[in-house]
Amino acid sequence: MTLRQLSARARVSLGYISEIERGHKEASSELLASLCSALDLPLSRLLGEVTDSVAAHERRTAQVASLPAVPARTGEPVPSAA
């Protein structure tokens, strides 16, 4: 399906879809539902995939946050903990 066809099926302007794609606009829940309907994609599936993606990002972020701090490289020896 072309973007033009999606626009017609979802009854959303082509320009508005392009703005969303470029990150200049945010999609409302009504718009997402309309786009999903036009694509024969259940909204719950789309939201489930987004949820999984966000959860994976949060896990990665939590893992990085729990790593010990690494001293900056200054050329000076790092004092030992002993």
Protein backbone atom coordinates (compact mmCIF):
# COMPACT_ATOMS: atom_id res chain seq x y z
CA MET A 1 0.00 0.00 0.00
CA THR A 2 1.33 3.42 -0.87
CA LEU A 3 1.26 6.35 1.50
CA ARG A 4 -1.34 7.97 -0.74
CA GLN A 5 -3.55 4.87 -0.50
CA LEU A 6 -3.13 4.77 3.28
CA SER A 7 -4.05 8.42 3.47
CA ALA A 8 -7.23 7.82 1.49
CA ARG A 9 -8.23 4.67 3.39
CA ALA A 10 -7.57 6.24 6.79
CA ARG A 11 -9.09 9.58 5.76
CA VAL A 12 -6.01 11.40 7.00
CA SER A 13 -4.18 13.95 4.89
CA LEU A 14 -0.98 12.83 3.26
CA GLY A 15 0.78 15.90 4.66
CA TYR A 16 -0.27 15.08 8.21
CA ILE A 17 0.99 11.50 7.92
CA SER A 18 4.29 12.86 6.60
CA GLU A 19 4.55 15.26 9.55
CA ILE A 20 4.08 12.33 11.93
CA GLU A 21 6.70 10.27 10.10
CA ARG A 22 9.21 13.09 10.41
CA GLY A 23 8.47 13.51 14.12
CA HIS A 24 6.97 16.99 13.69
CA LYS A 25 3.53 15.90 14.93
CA GLU A 26 2.33 13.28 17.36
CA ALA A 27 -0.42 10.83 16.53
CA SER A 28 -3.54 10.84 18.67
CA SER A 29 -5.17 7.60 19.71
CA GLU A 30 -7.96 8.29 17.21
CA LEU A 31 -5.45 8.75 14.41
CA LEU A 32 -3.60 5.56 15.36
CA ALA A 33 -6.90 3.68 15.36
CA SER A 34 -7.75 5.05 11.92
CA LEU A 35 -4.34 4.14 10.49
CA CYS A 36 -4.49 0.67 12.02
CA SER A 37 -7.95 0.12 10.60
CA ALA A 38 -6.75 1.18 7.15
CA LEU A 39 -3.86 -1.28 7.46
CA ASP A 40 -6.06 -4.10 8.81
CA LEU A 41 -3.83 -4.14 11.87
CA PRO A 42 -5.39 -4.46 15.32
CA LEU A 43 -4.55 -1.42 17.43
CA SER A 44 -3.81 -3.78 20.32
CA ARG A 45 -1.06 -5.45 18.29
CA LEU A 46 0.57 -2.12 17.48
CA LEU A 47 0.40 -1.00 21.09
CA GLY A 48 1.68 -4.38 22.28
CA GLU A 49 4.72 -4.10 20.03
CA VAL A 50 5.38 -0.56 21.26
CA THR A 51 5.03 -1.76 24.87
CA ASP A 52 7.55 -4.54 24.25
CA SER A 53 9.98 -2.10 22.65
CA VAL A 54 9.71 0.40 25.51
CA ALA A 55 10.13 -2.37 28.11
CA ALA A 56 13.30 -3.60 26.38
CA HIS A 57 14.68 -0.05 26.35
CA GLU A 58 13.90 0.34 30.05
CA ARG A 59 15.70 -2.92 30.85
CA ARG A 60 18.78 -1.80 28.91
CA THR A 61 18.73 1.58 30.64
CA ALA A 62 18.42 -0.04 34.07
CA GLN A 63 21.35 -2.35 33.31
CA VAL A 64 23.56 0.57 32.28
CA ALA A 65 22.54 2.58 35.36
CA SER A 66 23.56 -0.29 37.64
CA LEU A 67 27.10 -0.53 36.23
CA PRO A 68 29.87 0.80 38.48
CA ALA A 69 31.24 4.22 37.64
CA VAL A 70 34.39 4.24 35.54
CA PRO A 71 36.98 6.88 36.40
CA ALA A 72 37.75 9.44 33.72
CA ARG A 73 40.96 8.92 31.77
CA THR A 74 43.26 11.66 32.97
CA GLY A 75 46.58 9.93 32.57
CA GLU A 76 46.89 9.81 36.35
CA PRO A 77 46.96 6.42 38.05
CA VAL A 78 43.74 5.44 39.76
CA PRO A 79 44.25 4.99 43.51
CA SER A 80 43.74 1.43 44.67
CA ALA A 81 41.02 0.55 47.14
CA ALA A 82 43.48 -1.42 49.29
